[in-house]
Amino acid sequence: MDPTVLEEMGLSNAEAKIYLALLERGQSKTGAIIDATKMQSSTVYHVIGSLVEKGLVSYVLKGEVKYFQAERPESFLLFLEEKKRKFEESLPQLREMEKLGESKQTAKVYEGMNGLRAAYNDILLSLKKGDEYYFIQVPEERLSDEKIINLLRSHHIRRAKRGIRVKGLAPRSAKRTMSERIFKDAPLHTIRYSEEAVPKALVIYDNKVITLDFGDIPVAFVMESKAVADSYKRFFEEKWKAAKG
């Protein structure tokens, strides 16, 4: 199994590898874990202690020797619940710090796939149930990239669950991918297909505009400006009238 799945839930790369090694092998002494993971002994001892503290690994004593074992995968749900609880306790203080640090900043740059996720998450954090936003689809050639499809599909499933509506423009040649992959089981959307050349990879929501650039490293530029957002909304609405369902 790819350890990055566990890394995305808050484990370090070393923690993920050791947890998976224990899950696969069952009760193991530290020597066996070192052999299985090819990590230095000092790293293994430190990381096992961290996993024990997180409640993801336990041990039994056989004589004076510790045998470590991975807790059931469902333990991650409790681990994540505890992280959520601690964060919610800190949230009021973080919000106060945010107020102190407010500035005239009107643009942000997000890099990489995780950066793109953060930019799309801002849409969900900025809008509420019943709100609507607009998008012009990413370049058609990027719709063959499974990472991009999965990113967009995950976003729209969460968007629909929050009751947020969306209107989108896309090239007609992308219709099958849009309907069968990206928007499958994600209602509250209306897509029209434009034969005109329009700017690609734009999202307009609230008073913000996201411009997406899919170079070697994907980048999302998020600009916050009511005047700019309003101008893009007017542009979108003009193209929307000319497009077909």
Protein backbone atom coordinates (compact mmCIF):
# COMPACT_ATOMS: atom_id res chain seq x y z
CA MET A 1 0.00 0.00 0.00
CA ASP A 2 1.17 3.52 -0.78
CA PRO A 3 2.20 5.20 2.53
CA THR A 4 1.18 8.63 1.20
CA VAL A 5 -2.45 7.74 1.99
CA LEU A 6 -1.53 7.66 5.69
CA GLU A 7 0.71 10.71 5.34
CA GLU A 8 -2.31 12.68 4.14
CA MET A 9 -4.00 11.76 7.45
CA GLY A 10 -1.20 13.30 9.47
CA LEU A 11 1.54 10.68 9.78
CA SER A 12 5.15 11.24 8.79
CA ASN A 13 6.59 9.08 6.04
CA ALA A 14 8.49 7.00 8.62
CA GLU A 15 5.39 6.57 10.80
CA ALA A 16 3.35 5.43 7.82
CA LYS A 17 5.96 2.89 6.70
CA ILE A 18 6.36 1.40 10.17
CA TYR A 19 2.61 1.20 10.77
CA LEU A 20 2.11 -0.61 7.45
CA ALA A 21 5.01 -2.96 8.16
CA LEU A 22 3.47 -3.89 11.53
CA LEU A 23 0.00 -4.22 10.04
CA GLU A 24 1.32 -6.68 7.48
CA ARG A 25 3.61 -8.68 9.78
CA GLY A 26 1.76 -8.68 13.09
CA GLN A 27 3.64 -8.70 16.41
CA SER A 28 7.29 -7.81 15.81
CA LYS A 29 10.40 -6.95 17.74
CA THR A 30 12.19 -3.74 16.87
CA GLY A 31 14.89 -5.70 15.05
CA ALA A 32 12.35 -7.18 12.67
CA ILE A 33 10.88 -3.71 12.05
CA ILE A 34 14.35 -2.35 11.26
CA ASP A 35 14.92 -5.19 8.78
CA ALA A 36 11.52 -4.71 7.16
CA THR A 37 11.71 -0.91 6.76
CA LYS A 38 15.51 -0.54 6.22
CA MET A 39 15.48 2.40 8.62
CA GLN A 40 18.14 3.26 11.16
CA SER A 41 17.54 1.80 14.60
CA SER A 42 17.42 5.25 16.25
CA THR A 43 14.68 6.33 13.82
CA VAL A 44 12.64 3.17 14.41
CA TYR A 45 12.81 3.51 18.21
CA HIS A 46 11.75 7.17 18.04
CA VAL A 47 8.94 6.61 15.53
CA ILE A 48 7.48 3.60 17.35
CA GLY A 49 7.26 5.73 20.48
CA SER A 50 5.40 8.37 18.49
CA LEU A 51 2.95 5.80 17.09
CA VAL A 52 2.33 4.39 20.58
CA GLU A 53 1.51 7.92 21.83
CA LYS A 54 -0.93 8.36 18.94
CA GLY A 55 -2.69 5.12 19.88
CA LEU A 56 -1.90 3.50 16.53
CA VAL A 57 0.61 0.96 17.84
CA SER A 58 0.65 -1.05 21.08
CA TYR A 59 3.00 -3.66 22.51
CA VAL A 60 3.06 -6.73 24.70
CA LEU A 61 5.90 -7.89 26.93
CA LYS A 62 7.21 -11.41 26.49
CA GLY A 63 9.73 -11.74 29.25
CA GLU A 64 11.66 -8.50 29.00
CA VAL A 65 11.21 -8.10 25.25
CA LYS A 66 8.63 -5.76 23.71
CA TYR A 67 6.64 -7.03 20.73
CA PHE A 68 4.92 -4.21 18.86
CA GLN A 69 1.71 -4.52 16.88
CA ALA A 70 -0.38 -2.19 14.76
CA GLU A 71 -3.81 -1.31 16.09
CA ARG A 72 -6.79 -1.96 13.82
CA PRO A 73 -7.05 0.47 10.87
CA GLU A 74 -10.29 1.80 12.39
CA SER A 75 -8.09 3.35 15.09
CA PHE A 76 -7.29 6.08 12.58
CA LEU A 77 -10.86 7.35 12.96
CA LEU A 78 -10.27 7.90 16.69
CA PHE A 79 -6.87 9.46 15.92
CA LEU A 80 -8.46 11.90 13.47
CA GLU A 81 -11.32 12.69 15.87
CA GLU A 82 -8.79 13.60 18.55
CA LYS A 83 -6.87 15.83 16.11
CA LYS A 84 -10.14 17.52 15.17
CA ARG A 85 -11.05 18.04 18.84
CA LYS A 86 -7.69 19.63 19.63
CA PHE A 87 -7.90 21.88 16.59
CA GLU A 88 -11.43 23.03 17.47
CA GLU A 89 -10.17 23.94 20.95
CA SER A 90 -7.45 26.09 19.37
CA LEU A 91 -9.69 27.65 16.71
CA PRO A 92 -10.85 30.70 18.73
CA GLN A 93 -7.23 31.63 19.50
CA LEU A 94 -6.22 31.13 15.86
CA ARG A 95 -9.05 33.41 14.74
CA GLU A 96 -7.88 36.12 17.12
CA MET A 97 -4.36 35.81 15.70
CA GLU A 98 -5.79 36.06 12.18
CA LYS A 99 -7.52 39.35 13.08
CA LEU A 100 -4.25 40.77 14.39
CA GLY A 101 -2.49 39.81 11.19
CA GLU A 102 -5.09 41.08 8.74
CA SER A 103 -3.61 43.17 5.95
CA LYS A 104 -4.40 44.56 2.51
CA GLN A 105 -3.18 41.37 0.84
CA THR A 106 -5.34 40.66 -2.20
CA ALA A 107 -3.59 37.72 -3.86
CA LYS A 108 -2.29 34.30 -2.84
CA VAL A 109 -0.32 31.65 -4.70
CA TYR A 110 -0.77 27.90 -4.08
CA GLU A 111 1.68 25.40 -5.58
CA GLY A 112 1.44 21.67 -6.28
CA MET A 113 -1.54 19.33 -6.04
CA ASN A 114 -1.94 20.02 -2.33
CA GLY A 115 -1.91 23.72 -3.15
CA LEU A 116 -4.70 23.21 -5.69
CA ARG A 117 -6.71 21.35 -3.04
CA ALA A 118 -6.22 24.26 -0.65
CA ALA A 119 -7.46 26.72 -3.28
CA TYR A 120 -10.56 24.61 -3.98
CA ASN A 121 -11.14 24.22 -0.23
CA ASP A 122 -11.35 28.01 0.03
CA ILE A 123 -14.40 27.89 -2.23
CA LEU A 124 -16.19 25.62 0.25
CA LEU A 125 -15.07 27.74 3.21
CA SER A 126 -16.17 31.00 1.56
CA LEU A 127 -19.65 29.90 0.44
CA LYS A 128 -22.68 28.58 2.28
CA LYS A 129 -25.65 26.39 1.43
CA GLY A 130 -27.65 27.86 -1.47
CA ASP A 131 -24.75 29.98 -2.79
CA GLU A 132 -23.58 29.60 -6.38
CA TYR A 133 -20.28 30.09 -8.16
CA TYR A 134 -18.96 29.87 -11.73
CA PHE A 135 -16.11 28.08 -13.44
CA ILE A 136 -14.56 27.65 -16.87
CA GLN A 137 -13.15 24.13 -17.12
CA VAL A 138 -9.47 23.29 -17.00
CA PRO A 139 -7.73 22.76 -20.39
CA GLU A 140 -9.11 19.70 -22.13
CA GLU A 141 -5.73 17.96 -22.32
CA ARG A 142 -5.53 18.03 -18.51
CA LEU A 143 -8.74 16.01 -18.26
CA SER A 144 -6.73 12.91 -19.17
CA ASP A 145 -4.76 13.32 -15.92
CA GLU A 146 -6.28 11.10 -13.23
CA LYS A 147 -4.94 13.33 -10.46
CA ILE A 148 -6.83 16.32 -11.89
CA ILE A 149 -10.01 14.30 -12.42
CA ASN A 150 -9.87 12.96 -8.85
CA LEU A 151 -9.22 16.44 -7.46
CA LEU A 152 -12.22 17.93 -9.28
CA ARG A 153 -14.50 14.97 -8.52
CA SER A 154 -13.67 15.07 -4.81
CA HIS A 155 -14.31 18.82 -4.72
CA HIS A 156 -17.70 18.59 -6.43
CA ILE A 157 -18.91 15.73 -4.24
CA ARG A 158 -18.12 17.80 -1.14
CA ARG A 159 -19.60 20.92 -2.75
CA ALA A 160 -22.88 19.13 -3.47
CA LYS A 161 -23.07 17.76 0.08
CA ARG A 162 -22.79 21.35 1.35
CA GLY A 163 -25.66 22.46 -0.88
CA ILE A 164 -23.53 24.82 -2.98
CA ARG A 165 -24.57 25.26 -6.61
CA VAL A 166 -22.24 25.74 -9.57
CA LYS A 167 -22.46 26.77 -13.22
CA GLY A 168 -19.70 25.74 -15.58
CA LEU A 169 -18.53 26.25 -19.15
CA ALA A 170 -16.56 23.55 -20.95
CA PRO A 171 -15.68 22.45 -24.50
CA ARG A 172 -18.22 20.01 -25.95
CA SER A 173 -15.50 17.39 -26.48
CA ALA A 174 -15.16 17.18 -22.68
CA LYS A 175 -18.87 16.41 -22.12
CA ARG A 176 -18.43 12.68 -21.48
CA THR A 177 -15.62 13.16 -18.97
CA MET A 178 -17.61 15.87 -17.21
CA SER A 179 -20.81 13.84 -16.91
CA GLU A 180 -19.41 10.34 -16.34
CA ARG A 181 -16.37 11.14 -14.21
CA ILE A 182 -16.18 14.57 -12.60
CA PHE A 183 -19.85 15.26 -11.84
CA LYS A 184 -21.14 11.72 -11.35
CA ASP A 185 -23.15 11.61 -8.10
CA ALA A 186 -22.46 15.33 -7.54
CA PRO A 187 -25.75 17.23 -8.16
CA LEU A 188 -26.55 20.96 -7.99
CA HIS A 189 -24.57 21.74 -11.14
CA THR A 190 -25.43 23.09 -14.57
CA ILE A 191 -22.91 22.74 -17.37
CA ARG A 192 -23.05 24.39 -20.77
CA TYR A 193 -20.71 23.77 -23.65
CA SER A 194 -19.14 26.59 -25.59
CA GLU A 195 -17.84 26.49 -29.13
CA GLU A 196 -16.08 29.82 -28.62
CA ALA A 197 -12.50 30.23 -27.48
CA VAL A 198 -12.64 31.26 -23.84
CA PRO A 199 -10.01 31.51 -21.10
CA LYS A 200 -9.36 28.15 -19.48
CA ALA A 201 -9.19 27.12 -15.83
CA LEU A 202 -11.00 29.94 -14.05
CA VAL A 203 -13.18 29.86 -10.94
CA ILE A 204 -15.22 32.88 -9.85
CA TYR A 205 -16.74 32.83 -6.37
CA ASP A 206 -17.60 35.30 -3.65
CA ASN A 207 -15.27 38.26 -4.37
CA LYS A 208 -12.45 36.01 -5.57
CA VAL A 209 -11.06 34.62 -8.80
CA ILE A 210 -8.87 31.52 -9.09
CA THR A 211 -6.63 31.24 -12.15
CA LEU A 212 -5.08 27.79 -12.58
CA ASP A 213 -1.79 27.14 -14.36
CA PHE A 214 -0.90 23.51 -15.15
CA GLY A 215 2.83 23.66 -15.80
CA ASP A 216 5.39 21.18 -14.46
CA ILE A 217 4.24 22.31 -11.01
CA PRO A 218 0.50 23.18 -10.91
CA VAL A 219 -0.18 26.65 -9.52
CA ALA A 220 -3.39 28.35 -8.37
CA PHE A 221 -3.47 32.15 -8.21
CA VAL A 222 -6.27 33.43 -5.97
CA MET A 223 -7.11 37.13 -6.28
CA GLU A 224 -9.55 38.79 -3.90
CA SER A 225 -11.09 41.89 -5.44
CA LYS A 226 -14.79 42.68 -5.80
CA ALA A 227 -14.18 44.74 -8.93
CA VAL A 228 -12.16 42.00 -10.63
CA ALA A 229 -14.58 39.25 -9.57
CA ASP A 230 -17.57 41.26 -10.80
CA SER A 231 -15.92 41.81 -14.19
CA TYR A 232 -15.26 38.10 -14.57
CA LYS A 233 -18.85 37.30 -13.53
CA ARG A 234 -20.15 39.60 -16.27
CA PHE A 235 -17.82 37.95 -18.78
CA PHE A 236 -18.97 34.48 -17.70
CA GLU A 237 -22.66 35.43 -17.93
CA GLU A 238 -22.18 36.69 -21.50
CA LYS A 239 -20.51 33.45 -22.56
CA TRP A 240 -23.12 31.45 -20.63
CA LYS A 241 -25.96 32.97 -22.67
CA ALA A 242 -24.23 32.00 -25.91
CA ALA A 243 -23.38 28.44 -24.83
CA LYS A 244 -25.56 25.35 -25.16
CA GLY A 245 -26.56 22.69 -22.67
